[in-house]
Amino acid sequence: MNPTEKLNEAKQIILDIEKEMLETHEFCPYEIAYTIKSIDSAIEFFEKEKDLVKAD
């Protein structure tokens, strides 16, 4: 499993937690959204890095 796949898996887990919190507690800490944003940035980084390696 490459880094992007691992990050996507982690993101899905966090999205599931976010959904569950919204359903059970009717709120979600901002840290969860911040974490999802950070994972998206990391995925973007690894995708760009992969494209650069292919270009060489």
Protein backbone atom coordinates (compact mmCIF):
# COMPACT_ATOMS: atom_id res chain seq x y z
CA MET A 1 0.00 0.00 0.00
CA ASN A 2 1.51 3.33 -1.04
CA PRO A 3 1.36 6.54 1.05
CA THR A 4 -1.57 7.98 -0.90
CA GLU A 5 -3.65 4.84 -0.35
CA LYS A 6 -2.83 4.88 3.36
CA LEU A 7 -3.80 8.54 3.63
CA ASN A 8 -7.07 7.93 1.79
CA GLU A 9 -7.83 5.07 4.18
CA ALA A 10 -7.09 7.28 7.18
CA LYS A 11 -9.26 10.04 5.73
CA GLN A 12 -12.17 7.64 5.32
CA ILE A 13 -11.86 6.52 8.94
CA ILE A 14 -11.88 10.12 10.12
CA LEU A 15 -14.88 10.93 7.90
CA ASP A 16 -16.72 7.98 9.46
CA ILE A 17 -15.89 9.30 12.94
CA GLU A 18 -17.07 12.77 11.93
CA LYS A 19 -20.37 11.37 10.65
CA GLU A 20 -20.90 9.33 13.81
CA MET A 21 -20.18 12.32 16.05
CA LEU A 22 -22.62 14.49 14.13
CA GLU A 23 -25.29 11.81 14.42
CA THR A 24 -24.77 11.03 18.10
CA HIS A 25 -23.55 14.32 19.59
CA GLU A 26 -24.82 16.79 16.99
CA PHE A 27 -21.40 18.47 16.85
CA CYS A 28 -17.91 17.71 15.73
CA PRO A 29 -14.67 19.24 17.03
CA TYR A 30 -12.93 21.55 14.56
CA GLU A 31 -9.78 19.44 14.91
CA ILE A 32 -11.43 16.73 12.84
CA ALA A 33 -12.01 19.08 9.91
CA TYR A 34 -8.46 20.41 10.32
CA THR A 35 -7.12 16.85 10.22
CA ILE A 36 -9.08 16.07 7.05
CA LYS A 37 -7.68 19.24 5.45
CA SER A 38 -4.15 18.23 6.47
CA ILE A 39 -4.61 14.75 5.01
CA ASP A 40 -5.88 16.29 1.76
CA SER A 41 -2.73 18.44 1.62
CA ALA A 42 -0.55 15.40 2.20
CA ILE A 43 -2.34 13.44 -0.52
CA GLU A 44 -1.83 16.35 -2.91
CA PHE A 45 1.88 16.45 -1.98
CA PHE A 46 2.38 12.75 -2.67
CA GLU A 47 0.45 12.95 -5.95
CA LYS A 48 2.65 15.84 -7.15
CA GLU A 49 5.78 14.01 -6.01
CA LYS A 50 4.68 10.91 -7.93
CA ASP A 51 4.12 13.01 -11.06
CA LEU A 52 7.59 14.58 -10.71
CA VAL A 53 9.24 11.18 -10.39
CA LYS A 54 7.43 9.95 -13.54
CA ALA A 55 8.62 13.02 -15.45
CA ASP A 56 12.29 12.26 -14.69
